[in-house]
Amino acid sequence: MSSLAVRVEFINPFIVAVTKTLETMVGCKVTREPPMLKKNPQTLYPISGVIGLSGVVAGTVVLTMSAQLALKSASVMLMEEQKAFNPDVFDAIGELTNVIAGNAKAQLEEYKLSLSLPNVITGEATELRFPENCQPITIPFSTDFGPLAVEIGFTAPRQ
C-alpha cells in the first residue's frame, strides 16, 4: 500500500499525541480502538476541530468528539463548568486540536509540515473534505467522558 494515510509510522504520532494530550490537558484515561479506513465524508461526532497540514505532504487532521467529551474538556481547560456549546468551548476544542497536531508534527520532521489555524465545526454528520487521491483513516478512542476519533488523510509525498 503506497497511501501515506495508512502508514503506521505516520499515524502513530497522532495516536500518541491524542492519548498524551487528553490525559494531560483533560485528565481522562484514553483507550485506542482499532483503526479503520474512513468510508464516508461525514463527521462521527457533533463537534470537530479541523486543521490542515502542508509540506512534503498535504493533508487534513480532524479531531471529532462527543458533546459530553467536548464540554468536559472545555470545563477542565477553562476551570469553569461548560453546559452548552459556546465560543469558549469552540476555542478549547480548537486548542486541543492545535496541540495534538503540533505534537504529532514534531515527530514527523522529515515531512517539513506547517499547520494551518484550526477550525471548529459543529453539527451531526457534517461533511468533511480531505485532499484528493488519499484514503483517510479513522482512529477511534474511548475516554472516561465519551468517545472521540482522530481522522487523518494525506497525499503521497512530493518527489
N, C-alpha and C. Protein backbone atom coordinates (compact mmCIF):
# COMPACT_ATOMS: atom_id res chain seq x y z
N MET A 1 0.83 -1.17 0.00
CA MET A 1 0.00 0.00 0.00
C MET A 1 0.88 1.23 0.00
N SER A 2 0.73 2.09 -0.98
CA SER A 2 1.56 3.28 -1.04
C SER A 2 0.90 4.48 -0.39
N SER A 3 -0.34 4.38 -0.01
CA SER A 3 -1.04 5.51 0.59
C SER A 3 -0.39 5.90 1.91
N LEU A 4 -0.01 7.17 2.01
CA LEU A 4 0.62 7.66 3.22
C LEU A 4 -0.32 7.56 4.41
N ALA A 5 -1.62 7.69 4.18
CA ALA A 5 -2.59 7.74 5.27
C ALA A 5 -2.61 6.47 6.10
N VAL A 6 -2.16 5.35 5.56
CA VAL A 6 -2.24 4.11 6.32
C VAL A 6 -0.87 3.62 6.78
N ARG A 7 0.17 4.41 6.63
CA ARG A 7 1.49 4.04 7.12
C ARG A 7 1.53 4.17 8.63
N VAL A 8 1.88 3.09 9.30
CA VAL A 8 1.93 3.09 10.76
C VAL A 8 2.87 4.17 11.28
N GLU A 9 4.01 4.33 10.65
CA GLU A 9 4.97 5.32 11.15
C GLU A 9 4.44 6.74 11.03
N PHE A 10 3.42 6.95 10.21
CA PHE A 10 2.83 8.27 10.08
C PHE A 10 1.67 8.47 11.05
N ILE A 11 0.84 7.47 11.26
CA ILE A 11 -0.31 7.66 12.14
C ILE A 11 0.03 7.50 13.62
N ASN A 12 1.07 6.75 13.95
CA ASN A 12 1.43 6.57 15.36
C ASN A 12 1.67 7.88 16.10
N PRO A 13 2.32 8.89 15.50
CA PRO A 13 2.48 10.16 16.23
C PRO A 13 1.14 10.79 16.61
N PHE A 14 0.12 10.61 15.79
CA PHE A 14 -1.20 11.17 16.12
C PHE A 14 -1.86 10.38 17.25
N ILE A 15 -1.67 9.07 17.25
CA ILE A 15 -2.22 8.24 18.33
C ILE A 15 -1.59 8.65 19.66
N VAL A 16 -0.28 8.77 19.67
CA VAL A 16 0.42 9.17 20.89
C VAL A 16 0.00 10.58 21.31
N ALA A 17 -0.11 11.50 20.34
CA ALA A 17 -0.48 12.88 20.65
C ALA A 17 -1.88 12.98 21.25
N VAL A 18 -2.84 12.25 20.70
CA VAL A 18 -4.21 12.28 21.24
C VAL A 18 -4.20 11.76 22.67
N THR A 19 -3.55 10.62 22.88
CA THR A 19 -3.54 10.00 24.20
C THR A 19 -2.89 10.91 25.24
N LYS A 20 -1.69 11.39 24.94
CA LYS A 20 -0.96 12.21 25.91
C LYS A 20 -1.65 13.55 26.15
N THR A 21 -2.16 14.17 25.10
CA THR A 21 -2.79 15.48 25.24
C THR A 21 -4.05 15.39 26.10
N LEU A 22 -4.89 14.41 25.84
CA LEU A 22 -6.13 14.30 26.63
C LEU A 22 -5.83 13.88 28.06
N GLU A 23 -4.87 12.99 28.25
CA GLU A 23 -4.53 12.59 29.61
C GLU A 23 -3.96 13.77 30.39
N THR A 24 -3.14 14.59 29.74
CA THR A 24 -2.50 15.73 30.41
C THR A 24 -3.45 16.92 30.56
N MET A 25 -4.09 17.33 29.47
CA MET A 25 -4.89 18.55 29.49
C MET A 25 -6.29 18.37 30.06
N VAL A 26 -6.86 17.17 29.92
CA VAL A 26 -8.24 16.93 30.35
C VAL A 26 -8.29 16.02 31.57
N GLY A 27 -7.24 15.24 31.77
CA GLY A 27 -7.19 14.35 32.92
C GLY A 27 -8.08 13.13 32.80
N CYS A 28 -8.20 12.61 31.57
CA CYS A 28 -9.03 11.41 31.40
C CYS A 28 -8.21 10.28 30.79
N LYS A 29 -8.62 9.08 31.12
CA LYS A 29 -8.00 7.88 30.56
C LYS A 29 -8.46 7.73 29.11
N VAL A 30 -7.54 7.43 28.22
CA VAL A 30 -7.84 7.30 26.80
C VAL A 30 -7.45 5.90 26.33
N THR A 31 -8.38 5.24 25.65
CA THR A 31 -8.11 3.90 25.12
C THR A 31 -8.33 3.91 23.61
N ARG A 32 -7.28 3.53 22.89
CA ARG A 32 -7.39 3.47 21.42
C ARG A 32 -8.14 2.21 21.02
N GLU A 33 -8.96 2.36 20.00
CA GLU A 33 -9.66 1.22 19.42
C GLU A 33 -9.05 0.96 18.04
N PRO A 34 -9.40 -0.13 17.38
CA PRO A 34 -8.76 -0.45 16.09
C PRO A 34 -9.03 0.62 15.01
N PRO A 35 -7.97 1.04 14.31
CA PRO A 35 -8.14 2.00 13.22
C PRO A 35 -8.91 1.37 12.06
N MET A 36 -9.53 2.22 11.25
CA MET A 36 -10.27 1.75 10.09
C MET A 36 -10.19 2.80 8.98
N LEU A 37 -10.37 2.35 7.75
CA LEU A 37 -10.45 3.30 6.65
C LEU A 37 -11.75 4.08 6.78
N LYS A 38 -11.68 5.39 6.53
CA LYS A 38 -12.88 6.23 6.59
C LYS A 38 -13.72 5.95 5.36
N LYS A 39 -14.97 5.55 5.59
CA LYS A 39 -15.82 5.11 4.48
C LYS A 39 -16.76 6.19 3.96
N ASN A 40 -17.05 7.22 4.76
CA ASN A 40 -17.93 8.28 4.28
C ASN A 40 -17.37 9.63 4.70
N PRO A 41 -17.84 10.72 4.08
CA PRO A 41 -17.22 12.02 4.35
C PRO A 41 -17.77 12.75 5.58
N GLN A 42 -18.69 12.15 6.33
CA GLN A 42 -19.29 12.85 7.45
C GLN A 42 -18.48 12.71 8.75
N THR A 43 -18.61 13.73 9.61
CA THR A 43 -18.01 13.66 10.93
C THR A 43 -18.72 12.58 11.74
N LEU A 44 -18.01 12.00 12.67
CA LEU A 44 -18.59 10.97 13.52
C LEU A 44 -19.36 11.55 14.70
N TYR A 45 -18.93 12.72 15.17
CA TYR A 45 -19.49 13.29 16.39
C TYR A 45 -19.85 14.76 16.15
N PRO A 46 -20.60 15.38 17.07
CA PRO A 46 -21.16 16.71 16.81
C PRO A 46 -20.20 17.90 16.90
N ILE A 47 -18.98 17.70 17.39
CA ILE A 47 -18.03 18.82 17.40
C ILE A 47 -16.67 18.31 16.93
N SER A 48 -16.06 19.06 16.02
CA SER A 48 -14.81 18.63 15.41
C SER A 48 -13.87 19.81 15.23
N GLY A 49 -12.60 19.57 15.57
CA GLY A 49 -11.54 20.51 15.26
C GLY A 49 -10.86 20.03 13.99
N VAL A 50 -10.67 20.92 13.03
CA VAL A 50 -10.10 20.57 11.74
C VAL A 50 -8.86 21.43 11.52
N ILE A 51 -7.75 20.77 11.14
CA ILE A 51 -6.52 21.51 10.91
C ILE A 51 -5.85 20.96 9.64
N GLY A 52 -5.34 21.85 8.83
CA GLY A 52 -4.63 21.45 7.62
C GLY A 52 -3.14 21.43 7.87
N LEU A 53 -2.46 20.52 7.20
CA LEU A 53 -1.00 20.45 7.26
C LEU A 53 -0.48 20.46 5.84
N SER A 54 0.64 21.13 5.64
CA SER A 54 1.24 21.16 4.31
C SER A 54 2.75 21.08 4.46
N GLY A 55 3.39 20.65 3.41
CA GLY A 55 4.84 20.48 3.38
C GLY A 55 5.17 19.48 2.30
N VAL A 56 5.98 18.47 2.63
CA VAL A 56 6.29 17.41 1.67
C VAL A 56 5.01 16.63 1.34
N VAL A 57 4.06 16.66 2.27
CA VAL A 57 2.73 16.09 2.06
C VAL A 57 1.72 17.19 2.37
N ALA A 58 0.49 17.03 1.90
CA ALA A 58 -0.60 17.93 2.26
C ALA A 58 -1.70 17.07 2.86
N GLY A 59 -2.38 17.62 3.85
CA GLY A 59 -3.41 16.79 4.44
C GLY A 59 -4.29 17.52 5.41
N THR A 60 -5.20 16.75 5.96
CA THR A 60 -6.17 17.26 6.93
C THR A 60 -6.21 16.31 8.11
N VAL A 61 -6.26 16.89 9.30
CA VAL A 61 -6.44 16.13 10.53
C VAL A 61 -7.71 16.65 11.19
N VAL A 62 -8.58 15.71 11.59
CA VAL A 62 -9.84 16.07 12.23
C VAL A 62 -9.89 15.39 13.60
N LEU A 63 -10.13 16.16 14.63
CA LEU A 63 -10.38 15.64 15.97
C LEU A 63 -11.88 15.80 16.20
N THR A 64 -12.62 14.69 16.19
CA THR A 64 -14.07 14.75 16.31
C THR A 64 -14.48 14.04 17.60
N MET A 65 -15.42 14.65 18.35
CA MET A 65 -15.76 14.10 19.66
C MET A 65 -17.21 14.31 20.03
N SER A 66 -17.63 13.52 21.03
CA SER A 66 -18.98 13.63 21.55
C SER A 66 -19.15 14.98 22.26
N ALA A 67 -20.39 15.42 22.35
CA ALA A 67 -20.68 16.66 23.06
C ALA A 67 -20.24 16.57 24.51
N GLN A 68 -20.48 15.43 25.15
CA GLN A 68 -20.10 15.26 26.56
C GLN A 68 -18.60 15.44 26.74
N LEU A 69 -17.80 14.82 25.88
CA LEU A 69 -16.35 14.96 25.99
C LEU A 69 -15.92 16.39 25.71
N ALA A 70 -16.51 17.03 24.70
CA ALA A 70 -16.14 18.41 24.38
C ALA A 70 -16.43 19.34 25.55
N LEU A 71 -17.60 19.20 26.16
CA LEU A 71 -17.97 20.07 27.27
C LEU A 71 -17.09 19.80 28.50
N LYS A 72 -16.80 18.54 28.77
CA LYS A 72 -15.94 18.20 29.90
C LYS A 72 -14.52 18.72 29.65
N SER A 73 -14.01 18.54 28.43
CA SER A 73 -12.66 19.02 28.10
C SER A 73 -12.58 20.54 28.29
N ALA A 74 -13.55 21.25 27.75
CA ALA A 74 -13.56 22.71 27.88
C ALA A 74 -13.69 23.13 29.34
N SER A 75 -14.52 22.43 30.10
CA SER A 75 -14.70 22.75 31.53
C SER A 75 -13.38 22.62 32.28
N VAL A 76 -12.65 21.53 32.02
CA VAL A 76 -11.36 21.32 32.70
C VAL A 76 -10.35 22.37 32.25
N MET A 77 -10.27 22.60 30.95
CA MET A 77 -9.29 23.55 30.43
C MET A 77 -9.56 24.98 30.89
N LEU A 78 -10.84 25.35 30.99
CA LEU A 78 -11.22 26.72 31.35
C LEU A 78 -11.43 26.89 32.86
N MET A 79 -11.38 25.76 33.58
CA MET A 79 -11.60 25.75 35.02
C MET A 79 -12.95 26.39 35.40
N GLU A 80 -13.94 26.13 34.54
CA GLU A 80 -15.30 26.62 34.77
C GLU A 80 -16.25 25.70 34.00
N GLU A 81 -17.29 25.24 34.68
CA GLU A 81 -18.18 24.28 34.05
C GLU A 81 -18.85 24.86 32.81
N GLN A 82 -18.79 24.09 31.72
CA GLN A 82 -19.43 24.46 30.46
C GLN A 82 -20.61 23.51 30.25
N LYS A 83 -21.80 24.08 30.06
CA LYS A 83 -23.01 23.25 29.93
C LYS A 83 -23.55 23.21 28.51
N ALA A 84 -23.06 24.09 27.65
CA ALA A 84 -23.54 24.14 26.26
C ALA A 84 -22.43 24.66 25.36
N PHE A 85 -22.51 24.34 24.08
CA PHE A 85 -21.54 24.86 23.13
C PHE A 85 -21.62 26.38 23.11
N ASN A 86 -20.45 27.01 23.13
CA ASN A 86 -20.35 28.47 23.08
C ASN A 86 -18.95 28.80 22.57
N PRO A 87 -18.65 30.07 22.33
CA PRO A 87 -17.33 30.41 21.80
C PRO A 87 -16.16 29.91 22.65
N ASP A 88 -16.29 29.87 23.98
CA ASP A 88 -15.21 29.38 24.82
C ASP A 88 -14.96 27.89 24.59
N VAL A 89 -16.04 27.12 24.45
CA VAL A 89 -15.91 25.68 24.17
C VAL A 89 -15.24 25.49 22.81
N PHE A 90 -15.67 26.25 21.82
CA PHE A 90 -15.07 26.13 20.48
C PHE A 90 -13.58 26.46 20.54
N ASP A 91 -13.20 27.49 21.29
CA ASP A 91 -11.79 27.84 21.43
C ASP A 91 -11.01 26.70 22.09
N ALA A 92 -11.59 26.08 23.11
CA ALA A 92 -10.91 24.98 23.81
C ALA A 92 -10.70 23.79 22.88
N ILE A 93 -11.70 23.46 22.07
CA ILE A 93 -11.57 22.34 21.14
C ILE A 93 -10.56 22.68 20.05
N GLY A 94 -10.55 23.92 19.60
CA GLY A 94 -9.53 24.36 18.64
C GLY A 94 -8.13 24.23 19.23
N GLU A 95 -7.98 24.59 20.50
CA GLU A 95 -6.67 24.48 21.16
C GLU A 95 -6.25 23.02 21.31
N LEU A 96 -7.18 22.14 21.69
CA LEU A 96 -6.85 20.70 21.77
C LEU A 96 -6.38 20.19 20.41
N THR A 97 -7.09 20.58 19.36
CA THR A 97 -6.73 20.14 18.00
C THR A 97 -5.34 20.65 17.64
N ASN A 98 -5.07 21.90 17.94
CA ASN A 98 -3.78 22.51 17.64
C ASN A 98 -2.64 21.82 18.40
N VAL A 99 -2.86 21.53 19.67
CA VAL A 99 -1.82 20.87 20.48
C VAL A 99 -1.55 19.46 19.95
N ILE A 100 -2.61 18.73 19.63
CA ILE A 100 -2.44 17.36 19.11
C ILE A 100 -1.69 17.38 17.78
N ALA A 101 -2.12 18.25 16.86
CA ALA A 101 -1.44 18.33 15.55
C ALA A 101 0.00 18.79 15.72
N GLY A 102 0.24 19.74 16.61
CA GLY A 102 1.61 20.22 16.84
C GLY A 102 2.51 19.15 17.43
N ASN A 103 1.98 18.37 18.38
CA ASN A 103 2.77 17.28 18.96
C ASN A 103 3.09 16.20 17.93
N ALA A 104 2.12 15.86 17.09
CA ALA A 104 2.37 14.87 16.04
C ALA A 104 3.37 15.42 15.02
N LYS A 105 3.21 16.68 14.65
CA LYS A 105 4.11 17.32 13.68
C LYS A 105 5.56 17.24 14.15
N ALA A 106 5.78 17.41 15.45
CA ALA A 106 7.14 17.37 16.00
C ALA A 106 7.78 16.00 15.79
N GLN A 107 6.98 14.96 15.65
CA GLN A 107 7.51 13.61 15.43
C GLN A 107 7.66 13.29 13.94
N LEU A 108 7.24 14.21 13.08
CA LEU A 108 7.26 13.98 11.64
C LEU A 108 8.10 15.03 10.92
N GLU A 109 9.26 15.35 11.50
CA GLU A 109 10.10 16.43 10.98
C GLU A 109 10.48 16.25 9.52
N GLU A 110 10.66 15.00 9.10
CA GLU A 110 11.11 14.76 7.72
C GLU A 110 10.10 15.23 6.67
N TYR A 111 8.85 15.47 7.08
CA TYR A 111 7.82 15.93 6.14
C TYR A 111 7.73 17.45 6.07
N LYS A 112 8.52 18.16 6.90
CA LYS A 112 8.59 19.63 6.89
C LYS A 112 7.18 20.24 6.90
N LEU A 113 6.38 19.84 7.87
CA LEU A 113 4.98 20.23 7.92
C LEU A 113 4.76 21.61 8.53
N SER A 114 3.81 22.33 7.97
CA SER A 114 3.30 23.58 8.53
C SER A 114 1.84 23.36 8.87
N LEU A 115 1.39 23.95 9.97
CA LEU A 115 0.00 23.80 10.41
C LEU A 115 -0.81 25.03 10.05
N SER A 116 -2.06 24.81 9.64
CA SER A 116 -2.98 25.93 9.48
C SER A 116 -3.59 26.24 10.85
N LEU A 117 -4.33 27.31 10.94
CA LEU A 117 -5.08 27.57 12.16
C LEU A 117 -6.22 26.57 12.22
N PRO A 118 -6.57 26.09 13.41
CA PRO A 118 -7.67 25.13 13.50
C PRO A 118 -9.02 25.80 13.29
N ASN A 119 -9.93 25.07 12.69
CA ASN A 119 -11.32 25.47 12.57
C ASN A 119 -12.14 24.50 13.40
N VAL A 120 -13.19 24.97 14.02
CA VAL A 120 -14.07 24.10 14.78
C VAL A 120 -15.44 24.12 14.13
N ILE A 121 -15.95 22.93 13.84
CA ILE A 121 -17.26 22.82 13.22
C ILE A 121 -18.18 22.01 14.14
N THR A 122 -19.46 22.33 14.08
CA THR A 122 -20.44 21.60 14.88
C THR A 122 -21.56 21.12 13.98
N GLY A 123 -22.23 20.09 14.43
CA GLY A 123 -23.37 19.56 13.70
C GLY A 123 -23.23 18.07 13.50
N GLU A 124 -24.34 17.40 13.45
CA GLU A 124 -24.35 15.96 13.21
C GLU A 124 -24.03 15.69 11.75
N ALA A 125 -23.18 14.73 11.49
CA ALA A 125 -22.85 14.26 10.14
C ALA A 125 -22.48 15.40 9.19
N THR A 126 -21.64 16.33 9.67
CA THR A 126 -21.15 17.41 8.82
C THR A 126 -20.15 16.83 7.83
N GLU A 127 -20.23 17.27 6.58
CA GLU A 127 -19.35 16.72 5.55
C GLU A 127 -17.95 17.31 5.64
N LEU A 128 -16.95 16.44 5.58
CA LEU A 128 -15.54 16.82 5.61
C LEU A 128 -14.92 16.66 4.23
N ARG A 129 -13.91 17.45 3.96
CA ARG A 129 -13.16 17.31 2.72
C ARG A 129 -11.70 17.01 3.05
N PHE A 130 -11.21 15.93 2.47
CA PHE A 130 -9.80 15.57 2.59
C PHE A 130 -9.17 15.78 1.22
N PRO A 131 -7.84 15.86 1.14
CA PRO A 131 -7.20 16.02 -0.17
C PRO A 131 -7.60 14.90 -1.13
N GLU A 132 -7.67 15.25 -2.41
CA GLU A 132 -7.94 14.22 -3.42
C GLU A 132 -6.81 13.19 -3.41
N ASN A 133 -7.12 12.02 -3.90
CA ASN A 133 -6.13 10.93 -4.04
C ASN A 133 -5.54 10.48 -2.70
N CYS A 134 -6.33 10.55 -1.64
CA CYS A 134 -5.87 9.98 -0.38
C CYS A 134 -7.02 9.19 0.22
N GLN A 135 -6.68 8.22 1.02
CA GLN A 135 -7.68 7.42 1.72
C GLN A 135 -7.56 7.74 3.21
N PRO A 136 -8.47 8.58 3.73
CA PRO A 136 -8.39 8.92 5.16
C PRO A 136 -8.59 7.69 6.04
N ILE A 137 -7.99 7.76 7.21
CA ILE A 137 -8.12 6.70 8.19
C ILE A 137 -8.75 7.29 9.45
N THR A 138 -9.58 6.51 10.10
CA THR A 138 -10.21 6.91 11.35
C THR A 138 -9.61 6.08 12.48
N ILE A 139 -9.18 6.76 13.53
CA ILE A 139 -8.66 6.08 14.71
C ILE A 139 -9.58 6.45 15.88
N PRO A 140 -10.47 5.53 16.25
CA PRO A 140 -11.40 5.82 17.35
C PRO A 140 -10.74 5.61 18.71
N PHE A 141 -11.23 6.36 19.68
CA PHE A 141 -10.78 6.26 21.06
C PHE A 141 -12.00 6.29 21.97
N SER A 142 -11.86 5.67 23.11
CA SER A 142 -12.87 5.85 24.15
C SER A 142 -12.18 6.53 25.32
N THR A 143 -12.95 7.33 26.07
CA THR A 143 -12.42 8.03 27.24
C THR A 143 -13.43 7.91 28.37
N ASP A 144 -13.01 8.38 29.53
CA ASP A 144 -13.90 8.41 30.69
C ASP A 144 -15.13 9.29 30.44
N PHE A 145 -15.03 10.24 29.51
CA PHE A 145 -16.07 11.23 29.31
C PHE A 145 -16.80 11.10 27.97
N GLY A 146 -16.50 10.08 27.18
CA GLY A 146 -17.17 9.89 25.91
C GLY A 146 -16.18 9.58 24.79
N PRO A 147 -16.72 9.23 23.64
CA PRO A 147 -15.87 8.83 22.52
C PRO A 147 -15.32 10.01 21.72
N LEU A 148 -14.23 9.72 21.02
CA LEU A 148 -13.67 10.65 20.05
C LEU A 148 -12.94 9.85 19.00
N ALA A 149 -12.56 10.52 17.94
CA ALA A 149 -11.75 9.89 16.90
C ALA A 149 -10.85 10.95 16.30
N VAL A 150 -9.68 10.52 15.82
CA VAL A 150 -8.85 11.38 15.00
C VAL A 150 -8.90 10.78 13.61
N GLU A 151 -9.16 11.64 12.63
CA GLU A 151 -9.26 11.21 11.24
C GLU A 151 -8.17 11.94 10.47
N ILE A 152 -7.40 11.17 9.71
CA ILE A 152 -6.21 11.69 9.04
C ILE A 152 -6.24 11.31 7.58
N GLY A 153 -6.01 12.28 6.72
CA GLY A 153 -5.88 11.99 5.29
C GLY A 153 -4.79 12.85 4.69
N PHE A 154 -3.80 12.21 4.04
CA PHE A 154 -2.67 12.94 3.46
C PHE A 154 -2.38 12.44 2.06
N THR A 155 -1.84 13.35 1.25
CA THR A 155 -1.39 12.99 -0.08
C THR A 155 -0.07 12.25 0.02
N ALA A 156 0.34 11.64 -1.06
CA ALA A 156 1.65 10.98 -1.13
C ALA A 156 2.73 12.06 -1.11
N PRO A 157 3.91 11.73 -0.62
CA PRO A 157 5.00 12.72 -0.59
C PRO A 157 5.36 13.21 -1.98
N ARG A 158 5.67 14.51 -2.06
CA ARG A 158 6.17 15.09 -3.32
C ARG A 158 7.59 14.64 -3.53
N GLN A 159 7.93 14.41 -4.75
CA GLN A 159 9.30 13.97 -5.07
C GLN A 159 10.23 15.13 -5.23
